[in-house]
Amino acid sequence: MSDQRDDLRAIIFKNRGALLSAPALLLSLFGKPSAFSITVGLPLAFLGEALRCWAVGYSGATTRSDHVQAPKLVTAGPYSYLRNPLYLGNFITAAGFTIAFTGKNTFLTRAALAIATLGTIAGVYSIIIPHEEEFLLRHFGEEFVVYCDHVPPLIPLSEPAEDGAGDYDPDVLLSAESKTFLTFGAMLAVLALKSLKA
């Protein structure tokens, strides 16, 4: 049973990009933005993307792999505040786009889109975060246990944990984040088109 669960987690991890495209497609198809919703939602989307870029600058191109890998345990930068800053950034971005796209939807449609979008993301992450953390525990052992004891998974600390390991490399962003930048740009383009038609 444990092997089947691990296999399922690995499949979901490998296909996380495709799974997380579904919420973007829902918003693109059914969203009805307003000037107010765009004004409120877009800064949140950009904040989430900035957090993601900060995290990827520390974790590197391994974030795009089809399977979990980590040549070293990164605990500096955003990883000194929480263990999963990249995923928190994605969730914030999704929340921002959900707000931006649904300003003119009815309350029920807006709620349904928010539940579908953010629920899908939360569901995927509830599976792949334990998958990643089991990998990190196997590979880094006590070092990862100590890190987990000091740094929470998703709610950031108010002050960074001390003695973080890792360095920020802005050069990795173009190679590691090209797909994310394209998706983000596509969402902005769709949002702009929908707002012009409204």
N, C-alpha and C. Protein backbone atom coordinates (compact mmCIF):
# COMPACT_ATOMS: atom_id res chain seq x y z
N MET A 1 0.83 -1.21 0.00
CA MET A 1 0.00 0.00 0.00
C MET A 1 0.86 1.26 0.00
N SER A 2 1.96 1.21 0.78
CA SER A 2 2.87 2.35 0.85
C SER A 2 3.53 2.62 -0.50
N ASP A 3 3.89 1.53 -1.22
CA ASP A 3 4.49 1.69 -2.54
C ASP A 3 3.52 2.30 -3.52
N GLN A 4 2.24 1.89 -3.45
CA GLN A 4 1.22 2.46 -4.34
C GLN A 4 1.03 3.95 -4.05
N ARG A 5 1.03 4.31 -2.77
CA ARG A 5 0.89 5.72 -2.38
C ARG A 5 2.08 6.52 -2.90
N ASP A 6 3.29 5.96 -2.76
CA ASP A 6 4.48 6.65 -3.25
C ASP A 6 4.45 6.80 -4.77
N ASP A 7 3.97 5.77 -5.46
CA ASP A 7 3.86 5.84 -6.91
C ASP A 7 2.87 6.93 -7.33
N LEU A 8 1.73 7.01 -6.63
CA LEU A 8 0.73 8.03 -6.94
C LEU A 8 1.30 9.42 -6.69
N ARG A 9 1.99 9.60 -5.57
CA ARG A 9 2.60 10.90 -5.28
C ARG A 9 3.61 11.28 -6.35
N ALA A 10 4.41 10.30 -6.79
CA ALA A 10 5.41 10.57 -7.82
C ALA A 10 4.74 10.98 -9.14
N ILE A 11 3.64 10.32 -9.48
CA ILE A 11 2.91 10.66 -10.71
C ILE A 11 2.35 12.08 -10.62
N ILE A 12 1.77 12.41 -9.48
CA ILE A 12 1.21 13.75 -9.30
C ILE A 12 2.32 14.79 -9.31
N PHE A 13 3.45 14.47 -8.68
CA PHE A 13 4.58 15.40 -8.69
C PHE A 13 5.05 15.64 -10.13
N LYS A 14 5.20 14.57 -10.89
CA LYS A 14 5.68 14.67 -12.28
C LYS A 14 4.74 15.50 -13.14
N ASN A 15 3.44 15.40 -12.88
CA ASN A 15 2.43 16.09 -13.70
C ASN A 15 1.85 17.32 -13.02
N ARG A 16 2.54 17.84 -12.02
CA ARG A 16 2.00 18.97 -11.25
C ARG A 16 1.73 20.19 -12.13
N GLY A 17 2.58 20.42 -13.13
CA GLY A 17 2.38 21.57 -14.02
C GLY A 17 1.06 21.48 -14.77
N ALA A 18 0.79 20.32 -15.32
CA ALA A 18 -0.46 20.12 -16.06
C ALA A 18 -1.66 20.23 -15.13
N LEU A 19 -1.55 19.62 -13.94
CA LEU A 19 -2.66 19.67 -12.98
C LEU A 19 -2.95 21.10 -12.54
N LEU A 20 -1.89 21.89 -12.38
CA LEU A 20 -2.09 23.26 -11.92
C LEU A 20 -2.46 24.22 -13.05
N SER A 21 -2.45 23.71 -14.28
CA SER A 21 -2.92 24.52 -15.41
C SER A 21 -4.45 24.56 -15.46
N ALA A 22 -5.08 23.54 -14.89
CA ALA A 22 -6.54 23.47 -14.92
C ALA A 22 -7.20 24.69 -14.26
N PRO A 23 -6.74 25.15 -13.09
CA PRO A 23 -7.35 26.35 -12.51
C PRO A 23 -7.19 27.58 -13.41
N ALA A 24 -6.03 27.72 -14.05
CA ALA A 24 -5.81 28.86 -14.94
C ALA A 24 -6.79 28.81 -16.12
N LEU A 25 -7.01 27.61 -16.63
CA LEU A 25 -7.95 27.45 -17.74
C LEU A 25 -9.38 27.80 -17.31
N LEU A 26 -9.77 27.36 -16.11
CA LEU A 26 -11.11 27.69 -15.59
C LEU A 26 -11.31 29.20 -15.51
N LEU A 27 -10.32 29.88 -14.93
CA LEU A 27 -10.44 31.34 -14.81
C LEU A 27 -10.49 32.01 -16.17
N SER A 28 -9.67 31.51 -17.11
CA SER A 28 -9.65 32.09 -18.46
C SER A 28 -10.97 31.91 -19.18
N LEU A 29 -11.61 30.76 -18.98
CA LEU A 29 -12.86 30.48 -19.67
C LEU A 29 -14.06 31.17 -19.04
N PHE A 30 -14.12 31.15 -17.71
CA PHE A 30 -15.36 31.58 -17.04
C PHE A 30 -15.25 32.89 -16.26
N GLY A 31 -14.04 33.42 -16.13
CA GLY A 31 -13.87 34.65 -15.38
C GLY A 31 -14.42 35.87 -16.10
N LYS A 32 -14.94 36.81 -15.32
CA LYS A 32 -15.45 38.08 -15.84
C LYS A 32 -14.85 39.20 -14.99
N PRO A 33 -13.69 39.71 -15.39
CA PRO A 33 -13.00 40.70 -14.56
C PRO A 33 -13.68 42.06 -14.57
N SER A 34 -13.40 42.81 -13.52
CA SER A 34 -13.82 44.21 -13.44
C SER A 34 -12.57 45.04 -13.15
N ALA A 35 -12.67 46.33 -13.36
CA ALA A 35 -11.52 47.20 -13.07
C ALA A 35 -11.11 47.09 -11.61
N PHE A 36 -12.12 47.01 -10.72
CA PHE A 36 -11.82 46.91 -9.30
C PHE A 36 -11.15 45.59 -8.96
N SER A 37 -11.67 44.47 -9.50
CA SER A 37 -11.09 43.16 -9.18
C SER A 37 -9.66 43.05 -9.70
N ILE A 38 -9.40 43.65 -10.86
CA ILE A 38 -8.03 43.65 -11.40
C ILE A 38 -7.11 44.48 -10.51
N THR A 39 -7.60 45.63 -10.06
CA THR A 39 -6.80 46.51 -9.20
C THR A 39 -6.44 45.82 -7.89
N VAL A 40 -7.37 45.03 -7.36
CA VAL A 40 -7.12 44.34 -6.09
C VAL A 40 -6.30 43.06 -6.31
N GLY A 41 -6.63 42.31 -7.36
CA GLY A 41 -6.03 40.99 -7.53
C GLY A 41 -4.63 40.99 -8.11
N LEU A 42 -4.35 41.86 -9.08
CA LEU A 42 -3.04 41.81 -9.75
C LEU A 42 -1.86 42.06 -8.81
N PRO A 43 -1.91 43.04 -7.91
CA PRO A 43 -0.77 43.19 -7.00
C PRO A 43 -0.49 41.93 -6.19
N LEU A 44 -1.56 41.23 -5.80
CA LEU A 44 -1.40 39.98 -5.07
C LEU A 44 -0.73 38.92 -5.95
N ALA A 45 -1.14 38.84 -7.21
CA ALA A 45 -0.54 37.89 -8.15
C ALA A 45 0.95 38.18 -8.33
N PHE A 46 1.30 39.46 -8.47
CA PHE A 46 2.71 39.83 -8.62
C PHE A 46 3.50 39.56 -7.34
N LEU A 47 2.88 39.76 -6.19
CA LEU A 47 3.55 39.45 -4.92
C LEU A 47 3.87 37.96 -4.83
N GLY A 48 2.92 37.13 -5.21
CA GLY A 48 3.16 35.69 -5.20
C GLY A 48 4.27 35.29 -6.15
N GLU A 49 4.29 35.90 -7.34
CA GLU A 49 5.34 35.59 -8.32
C GLU A 49 6.71 36.05 -7.81
N ALA A 50 6.75 37.20 -7.12
CA ALA A 50 8.01 37.68 -6.55
C ALA A 50 8.53 36.71 -5.50
N LEU A 51 7.64 36.19 -4.66
CA LEU A 51 8.04 35.21 -3.65
C LEU A 51 8.56 33.95 -4.33
N ARG A 52 7.88 33.51 -5.38
CA ARG A 52 8.32 32.34 -6.12
C ARG A 52 9.73 32.56 -6.70
N CYS A 53 9.95 33.71 -7.31
CA CYS A 53 11.27 34.01 -7.89
C CYS A 53 12.36 34.05 -6.82
N TRP A 54 12.02 34.60 -5.69
CA TRP A 54 12.98 34.63 -4.58
C TRP A 54 13.35 33.20 -4.18
N ALA A 55 12.35 32.34 -4.08
CA ALA A 55 12.58 30.95 -3.69
C ALA A 55 13.38 30.19 -4.74
N VAL A 56 13.02 30.36 -6.01
CA VAL A 56 13.72 29.63 -7.08
C VAL A 56 15.17 30.10 -7.20
N GLY A 57 15.42 31.37 -6.92
CA GLY A 57 16.80 31.86 -6.93
C GLY A 57 17.68 31.14 -5.93
N TYR A 58 17.09 30.61 -4.87
CA TYR A 58 17.84 29.83 -3.88
C TYR A 58 17.83 28.34 -4.21
N SER A 59 16.68 27.82 -4.62
CA SER A 59 16.58 26.36 -4.82
C SER A 59 17.11 25.91 -6.18
N GLY A 60 17.10 26.81 -7.18
CA GLY A 60 17.68 26.48 -8.48
C GLY A 60 16.75 25.74 -9.41
N ALA A 61 17.34 25.21 -10.48
CA ALA A 61 16.57 24.59 -11.56
C ALA A 61 15.94 23.26 -11.17
N THR A 62 16.28 22.73 -10.01
CA THR A 62 15.68 21.45 -9.59
C THR A 62 14.17 21.57 -9.43
N THR A 63 13.65 22.79 -9.32
CA THR A 63 12.21 22.97 -9.17
C THR A 63 11.43 22.57 -10.41
N ARG A 64 12.11 22.41 -11.53
CA ARG A 64 11.45 22.05 -12.79
C ARG A 64 11.58 20.56 -13.12
N SER A 65 12.22 19.80 -12.25
CA SER A 65 12.46 18.39 -12.54
C SER A 65 11.17 17.58 -12.48
N ASP A 66 11.17 16.45 -13.21
CA ASP A 66 10.02 15.53 -13.19
C ASP A 66 9.99 14.66 -11.94
N HIS A 67 11.08 14.63 -11.21
CA HIS A 67 11.13 13.87 -9.96
C HIS A 67 11.84 14.72 -8.91
N VAL A 68 11.62 14.40 -7.66
CA VAL A 68 12.18 15.19 -6.58
C VAL A 68 13.69 15.03 -6.57
N GLN A 69 14.40 16.14 -6.47
CA GLN A 69 15.84 16.11 -6.33
C GLN A 69 16.29 17.32 -5.54
N ALA A 70 17.40 17.19 -4.86
CA ALA A 70 17.96 18.29 -4.10
C ALA A 70 19.43 17.99 -3.85
N PRO A 71 20.33 18.66 -4.57
CA PRO A 71 21.75 18.40 -4.35
C PRO A 71 22.22 18.85 -2.97
N LYS A 72 21.50 19.81 -2.38
CA LYS A 72 21.83 20.26 -1.02
C LYS A 72 20.54 20.75 -0.37
N LEU A 73 20.54 20.81 0.95
CA LEU A 73 19.39 21.31 1.68
C LEU A 73 19.52 22.83 1.80
N VAL A 74 18.62 23.55 1.14
CA VAL A 74 18.64 25.01 1.16
C VAL A 74 17.79 25.50 2.31
N THR A 75 18.38 26.31 3.18
CA THR A 75 17.66 26.81 4.36
C THR A 75 17.81 28.33 4.51
N ALA A 76 18.36 28.98 3.49
CA ALA A 76 18.56 30.43 3.55
C ALA A 76 17.46 31.15 2.77
N GLY A 77 17.52 32.48 2.78
CA GLY A 77 16.53 33.29 2.05
C GLY A 77 15.13 33.00 2.52
N PRO A 78 14.18 32.79 1.60
CA PRO A 78 12.81 32.54 2.03
C PRO A 78 12.67 31.22 2.79
N TYR A 79 13.60 30.29 2.55
CA TYR A 79 13.56 29.00 3.23
C TYR A 79 13.93 29.10 4.71
N SER A 80 14.40 30.27 5.12
CA SER A 80 14.65 30.48 6.55
C SER A 80 13.39 30.97 7.26
N TYR A 81 12.35 31.28 6.49
CA TYR A 81 11.08 31.70 7.06
C TYR A 81 10.03 30.58 7.03
N LEU A 82 10.05 29.79 5.97
CA LEU A 82 9.11 28.67 5.83
C LEU A 82 9.71 27.65 4.88
N ARG A 83 9.25 26.40 4.98
CA ARG A 83 9.86 25.32 4.21
C ARG A 83 9.40 25.28 2.76
N ASN A 84 8.27 25.87 2.46
CA ASN A 84 7.70 25.77 1.11
C ASN A 84 7.34 27.13 0.53
N PRO A 85 8.31 28.05 0.43
CA PRO A 85 7.97 29.39 -0.06
C PRO A 85 7.51 29.40 -1.51
N LEU A 86 8.04 28.49 -2.32
CA LEU A 86 7.65 28.43 -3.72
C LEU A 86 6.15 28.11 -3.84
N TYR A 87 5.70 27.16 -3.04
CA TYR A 87 4.28 26.78 -3.10
C TYR A 87 3.38 27.85 -2.51
N LEU A 88 3.84 28.51 -1.47
CA LEU A 88 3.06 29.62 -0.93
C LEU A 88 2.96 30.73 -1.97
N GLY A 89 4.08 31.00 -2.67
CA GLY A 89 4.06 32.01 -3.73
C GLY A 89 3.06 31.66 -4.82
N ASN A 90 3.05 30.39 -5.23
CA ASN A 90 2.08 29.95 -6.24
C ASN A 90 0.64 30.15 -5.77
N PHE A 91 0.39 29.81 -4.52
CA PHE A 91 -0.97 29.93 -3.98
C PHE A 91 -1.41 31.40 -3.93
N ILE A 92 -0.49 32.28 -3.53
CA ILE A 92 -0.80 33.71 -3.48
C ILE A 92 -1.08 34.23 -4.90
N THR A 93 -0.26 33.79 -5.86
CA THR A 93 -0.48 34.19 -7.26
C THR A 93 -1.85 33.73 -7.74
N ALA A 94 -2.19 32.48 -7.44
CA ALA A 94 -3.49 31.95 -7.85
C ALA A 94 -4.63 32.71 -7.19
N ALA A 95 -4.47 33.05 -5.92
CA ALA A 95 -5.50 33.83 -5.23
C ALA A 95 -5.66 35.20 -5.88
N GLY A 96 -4.54 35.82 -6.23
CA GLY A 96 -4.59 37.12 -6.90
C GLY A 96 -5.30 37.06 -8.23
N PHE A 97 -4.96 36.06 -9.04
CA PHE A 97 -5.62 35.92 -10.34
C PHE A 97 -7.10 35.56 -10.17
N THR A 98 -7.42 34.77 -9.15
CA THR A 98 -8.83 34.43 -8.90
C THR A 98 -9.63 35.69 -8.60
N ILE A 99 -9.07 36.55 -7.78
CA ILE A 99 -9.75 37.82 -7.49
C ILE A 99 -9.85 38.67 -8.76
N ALA A 100 -8.73 38.79 -9.47
CA ALA A 100 -8.69 39.65 -10.67
C ALA A 100 -9.68 39.21 -11.74
N PHE A 101 -9.83 37.90 -11.92
CA PHE A 101 -10.66 37.39 -13.01
C PHE A 101 -12.15 37.37 -12.70
N THR A 102 -12.56 37.49 -11.44
CA THR A 102 -13.96 37.19 -11.12
C THR A 102 -14.78 38.38 -10.61
N GLY A 103 -14.34 39.58 -10.87
CA GLY A 103 -15.03 40.76 -10.35
C GLY A 103 -16.48 40.91 -10.78
N LYS A 104 -16.80 40.51 -12.01
CA LYS A 104 -18.17 40.67 -12.50
C LYS A 104 -18.95 39.36 -12.51
N ASN A 105 -18.37 38.30 -12.02
CA ASN A 105 -19.11 37.05 -11.89
C ASN A 105 -20.12 37.17 -10.76
N THR A 106 -21.18 36.38 -10.83
CA THR A 106 -22.13 36.33 -9.72
C THR A 106 -21.41 35.79 -8.49
N PHE A 107 -21.98 36.03 -7.34
CA PHE A 107 -21.35 35.56 -6.10
C PHE A 107 -21.13 34.05 -6.13
N LEU A 108 -22.15 33.30 -6.59
CA LEU A 108 -22.03 31.83 -6.60
C LEU A 108 -20.96 31.36 -7.59
N THR A 109 -20.89 31.99 -8.76
CA THR A 109 -19.87 31.61 -9.74
C THR A 109 -18.49 31.97 -9.22
N ARG A 110 -18.37 33.15 -8.61
CA ARG A 110 -17.09 33.57 -8.03
C ARG A 110 -16.64 32.59 -6.96
N ALA A 111 -17.56 32.19 -6.10
CA ALA A 111 -17.23 31.24 -5.04
C ALA A 111 -16.83 29.88 -5.63
N ALA A 112 -17.57 29.44 -6.65
CA ALA A 112 -17.27 28.15 -7.28
C ALA A 112 -15.89 28.18 -7.94
N LEU A 113 -15.57 29.27 -8.62
CA LEU A 113 -14.25 29.39 -9.26
C LEU A 113 -13.14 29.44 -8.22
N ALA A 114 -13.38 30.16 -7.13
CA ALA A 114 -12.36 30.24 -6.07
C ALA A 114 -12.14 28.88 -5.43
N ILE A 115 -13.23 28.17 -5.15
CA ILE A 115 -13.09 26.83 -4.54
C ILE A 115 -12.39 25.88 -5.50
N ALA A 116 -12.78 25.90 -6.78
CA ALA A 116 -12.17 25.00 -7.76
C ALA A 116 -10.69 25.33 -7.95
N THR A 117 -10.39 26.61 -8.08
CA THR A 117 -9.01 27.03 -8.34
C THR A 117 -8.11 26.76 -7.13
N LEU A 118 -8.46 27.34 -6.01
CA LEU A 118 -7.60 27.22 -4.83
C LEU A 118 -7.67 25.83 -4.22
N GLY A 119 -8.83 25.16 -4.37
CA GLY A 119 -8.95 23.79 -3.88
C GLY A 119 -8.08 22.82 -4.65
N THR A 120 -8.01 23.00 -5.98
CA THR A 120 -7.14 22.15 -6.80
C THR A 120 -5.69 22.33 -6.38
N ILE A 121 -5.28 23.58 -6.22
CA ILE A 121 -3.89 23.86 -5.84
C ILE A 121 -3.58 23.28 -4.46
N ALA A 122 -4.47 23.50 -3.50
CA ALA A 122 -4.26 22.96 -2.15
C ALA A 122 -4.21 21.43 -2.19
N GLY A 123 -5.09 20.81 -3.00
CA GLY A 123 -5.10 19.35 -3.10
C GLY A 123 -3.80 18.80 -3.66
N VAL A 124 -3.30 19.42 -4.73
CA VAL A 124 -2.04 18.97 -5.33
C VAL A 124 -0.90 19.13 -4.33
N TYR A 125 -0.85 20.27 -3.66
CA TYR A 125 0.25 20.51 -2.72
C TYR A 125 0.16 19.61 -1.49
N SER A 126 -1.06 19.24 -1.10
CA SER A 126 -1.20 18.34 0.06
C SER A 126 -0.62 16.96 -0.23
N ILE A 127 -0.46 16.66 -1.52
CA ILE A 127 0.13 15.37 -1.92
C ILE A 127 1.63 15.50 -2.18
N ILE A 128 2.04 16.56 -2.87
CA ILE A 128 3.45 16.62 -3.25
C ILE A 128 4.37 17.15 -2.14
N ILE A 129 3.85 17.95 -1.21
CA ILE A 129 4.71 18.41 -0.12
C ILE A 129 5.18 17.23 0.74
N PRO A 130 4.29 16.32 1.19
CA PRO A 130 4.79 15.16 1.93
C PRO A 130 5.74 14.29 1.10
N HIS A 131 5.48 14.19 -0.19
CA HIS A 131 6.35 13.42 -1.09
C HIS A 131 7.76 14.02 -1.10
N GLU A 132 7.85 15.33 -1.23
CA GLU A 132 9.15 16.00 -1.21
C GLU A 132 9.83 15.87 0.15
N GLU A 133 9.04 16.04 1.20
CA GLU A 133 9.65 16.02 2.53
C GLU A 133 10.14 14.62 2.93
N GLU A 134 9.48 13.58 2.45
CA GLU A 134 9.98 12.23 2.68
C GLU A 134 11.32 12.03 1.97
N PHE A 135 11.43 12.56 0.77
CA PHE A 135 12.70 12.51 0.03
C PHE A 135 13.79 13.24 0.81
N LEU A 136 13.49 14.45 1.26
CA LEU A 136 14.49 15.25 1.98
C LEU A 136 14.91 14.56 3.28
N LEU A 137 13.97 13.93 3.95
CA LEU A 137 14.29 13.21 5.18
C LEU A 137 15.22 12.04 4.90
N ARG A 138 14.94 11.29 3.83
CA ARG A 138 15.81 10.17 3.46
C ARG A 138 17.22 10.64 3.10
N HIS A 139 17.32 11.76 2.42
CA HIS A 139 18.62 12.20 1.92
C HIS A 139 19.43 13.06 2.90
N PHE A 140 18.74 13.78 3.76
CA PHE A 140 19.46 14.68 4.65
C PHE A 140 19.31 14.33 6.12
N GLY A 141 18.44 13.38 6.44
CA GLY A 141 18.33 12.85 7.78
C GLY A 141 18.17 13.89 8.87
N GLU A 142 19.04 13.83 9.84
CA GLU A 142 18.94 14.68 11.02
C GLU A 142 18.99 16.17 10.66
N GLU A 143 19.73 16.51 9.64
CA GLU A 143 19.82 17.92 9.21
C GLU A 143 18.43 18.44 8.83
N PHE A 144 17.66 17.61 8.13
CA PHE A 144 16.30 18.01 7.75
C PHE A 144 15.37 18.02 8.95
N VAL A 145 15.53 17.08 9.85
CA VAL A 145 14.71 17.03 11.07
C VAL A 145 14.91 18.31 11.88
N VAL A 146 16.15 18.73 12.05
CA VAL A 146 16.45 19.96 12.80
C VAL A 146 15.83 21.17 12.09
N TYR A 147 15.96 21.19 10.77
CA TYR A 147 15.37 22.28 9.99
C TYR A 147 13.86 22.34 10.20
N CYS A 148 13.19 21.19 10.14
CA CYS A 148 11.73 21.13 10.34
C CYS A 148 11.34 21.57 11.75
N ASP A 149 12.21 21.28 12.72
CA ASP A 149 11.92 21.69 14.10
C ASP A 149 11.93 23.21 14.26
N HIS A 150 12.65 23.90 13.39
CA HIS A 150 12.80 25.34 13.54
C HIS A 150 12.01 26.17 12.52
N VAL A 151 11.61 25.54 11.40
CA VAL A 151 10.96 26.30 10.33
C VAL A 151 9.65 25.62 9.95
N PRO A 152 8.53 26.36 9.99
CA PRO A 152 7.21 25.77 9.68
C PRO A 152 7.05 25.52 8.18
N PRO A 153 6.09 24.66 7.80
CA PRO A 153 5.92 24.32 6.39
C PRO A 153 5.35 25.45 5.53
N LEU A 154 4.33 26.17 6.00
CA LEU A 154 3.63 27.12 5.13
C LEU A 154 3.37 28.50 5.73
N ILE A 155 3.28 28.61 7.03
CA ILE A 155 3.03 29.91 7.67
C ILE A 155 4.39 30.49 8.06
N PRO A 156 4.79 31.61 7.44
CA PRO A 156 6.15 32.12 7.67
C PRO A 156 6.40 32.57 9.11
N LEU A 157 7.65 32.40 9.52
CA LEU A 157 8.11 32.95 10.78
C LEU A 157 8.17 34.47 10.66
N SER A 158 8.08 35.17 11.78
CA SER A 158 8.21 36.63 11.74
C SER A 158 9.67 37.05 11.60
N GLU A 159 10.56 36.20 12.05
CA GLU A 159 12.01 36.42 11.92
C GLU A 159 12.63 35.18 11.30
N PRO A 160 13.66 35.33 10.47
CA PRO A 160 14.25 34.14 9.84
C PRO A 160 14.98 33.27 10.85
N ALA A 161 14.97 31.97 10.60
CA ALA A 161 15.77 31.06 11.41
C ALA A 161 17.24 31.37 11.13
N GLU A 162 18.08 31.16 12.11
CA GLU A 162 19.49 31.54 11.97
C GLU A 162 20.27 30.51 11.16
N ASP A 163 21.43 30.95 10.66
CA ASP A 163 22.40 30.08 10.00
C ASP A 163 21.84 29.34 8.80
N GLY A 164 21.13 30.05 7.92
CA GLY A 164 20.61 29.42 6.72
C GLY A 164 21.71 29.09 5.73
N ALA A 165 21.56 27.98 5.03
CA ALA A 165 22.54 27.54 4.04
C ALA A 165 22.00 27.74 2.64
N GLY A 166 22.81 28.31 1.76
CA GLY A 166 22.41 28.52 0.37
C GLY A 166 22.62 29.95 -0.05
N ASP A 167 22.75 30.16 -1.36
CA ASP A 167 22.98 31.49 -1.91
C ASP A 167 21.97 31.77 -3.01
N TYR A 168 21.65 33.05 -3.17
CA TYR A 168 20.72 33.47 -4.22
C TYR A 168 21.48 33.61 -5.54
N ASP A 169 20.93 33.01 -6.60
CA ASP A 169 21.52 33.10 -7.93
C ASP A 169 20.46 33.59 -8.91
N PRO A 170 20.48 34.89 -9.25
CA PRO A 170 19.44 35.42 -10.16
C PRO A 170 19.53 34.83 -11.57
N ASP A 171 20.71 34.33 -11.95
CA ASP A 171 20.89 33.78 -13.30
C ASP A 171 20.04 32.54 -13.55
N VAL A 172 19.65 31.85 -12.48
CA VAL A 172 18.88 30.62 -12.64
C VAL A 172 17.43 30.90 -13.05
N LEU A 173 16.98 32.13 -12.84
CA LEU A 173 15.57 32.44 -13.06
C LEU A 173 15.14 32.26 -14.51
N LEU A 174 15.96 32.69 -15.45
CA LEU A 174 15.57 32.57 -16.86
C LEU A 174 15.41 31.12 -17.30
N SER A 175 16.32 30.27 -16.86
CA SER A 175 16.22 28.86 -17.26
C SER A 175 15.15 28.12 -16.45
N ALA A 176 15.09 28.38 -15.16
CA ALA A 176 14.18 27.63 -14.30
C ALA A 176 12.75 28.15 -14.36
N GLU A 177 12.57 29.42 -14.68
CA GLU A 177 11.25 30.03 -14.59
C GLU A 177 10.63 30.41 -15.92
N SER A 178 11.23 29.98 -17.03
CA SER A 178 10.71 30.40 -18.33
C SER A 178 9.25 29.99 -18.53
N LYS A 179 8.88 28.76 -18.15
CA LYS A 179 7.49 28.32 -18.30
C LYS A 179 6.55 29.10 -17.39
N THR A 180 7.01 29.37 -16.18
CA THR A 180 6.18 30.14 -15.25
C THR A 180 5.97 31.56 -15.77
N PHE A 181 7.03 32.18 -16.30
CA PHE A 181 6.89 33.53 -16.85
C PHE A 181 5.93 33.54 -18.04
N LEU A 182 6.01 32.52 -18.89
CA LEU A 182 5.10 32.43 -20.04
C LEU A 182 3.65 32.27 -19.58
N THR A 183 3.44 31.41 -18.58
CA THR A 183 2.08 31.21 -18.06
C THR A 183 1.55 32.49 -17.43
N PHE A 184 2.39 33.16 -16.64
CA PHE A 184 2.00 34.40 -16.00
C PHE A 184 1.65 35.45 -17.06
N GLY A 185 2.49 35.55 -18.08
CA GLY A 185 2.24 36.50 -19.16
C GLY A 185 0.96 36.18 -19.91
N ALA A 186 0.71 34.89 -20.13
CA ALA A 186 -0.52 34.49 -20.83
C ALA A 186 -1.74 34.86 -20.00
N MET A 187 -1.67 34.67 -18.70
CA MET A 187 -2.80 35.04 -17.83
C MET A 187 -3.03 36.55 -17.87
N LEU A 188 -1.96 37.33 -17.89
CA LEU A 188 -2.10 38.78 -18.00
C LEU A 188 -2.76 39.16 -19.32
N ALA A 189 -2.34 38.49 -20.40
CA ALA A 189 -2.91 38.79 -21.72
C ALA A 189 -4.39 38.46 -21.77
N VAL A 190 -4.77 37.30 -21.25
CA VAL A 190 -6.18 36.91 -21.23
C VAL A 190 -6.99 37.88 -20.38
N LEU A 191 -6.42 38.25 -19.24
CA LEU A 191 -7.09 39.21 -18.36
C LEU A 191 -7.32 40.54 -19.08
N ALA A 192 -6.30 40.99 -19.81
CA ALA A 192 -6.42 42.25 -20.54
C ALA A 192 -7.51 42.15 -21.63
N LEU A 193 -7.51 41.06 -22.36
CA LEU A 193 -8.52 40.86 -23.42
C LEU A 193 -9.92 40.83 -22.84
N LYS A 194 -10.09 40.09 -21.73
CA LYS A 194 -11.41 39.99 -21.12
C LYS A 194 -11.87 41.34 -20.57
N SER A 195 -10.95 42.11 -20.04
CA SER A 195 -11.35 43.41 -19.48
C SER A 195 -11.73 44.38 -20.59
N LEU A 196 -11.10 44.25 -21.77
CA LEU A 196 -11.47 45.11 -22.89
C LEU A 196 -12.84 44.78 -23.44
N LYS A 197 -13.20 43.50 -23.39
CA LYS A 197 -14.51 43.06 -23.89
C LYS A 197 -15.64 43.38 -22.92
N ALA A 198 -15.29 43.53 -21.65
CA ALA A 198 -16.32 43.73 -20.61
C ALA A 198 -17.03 45.07 -20.77
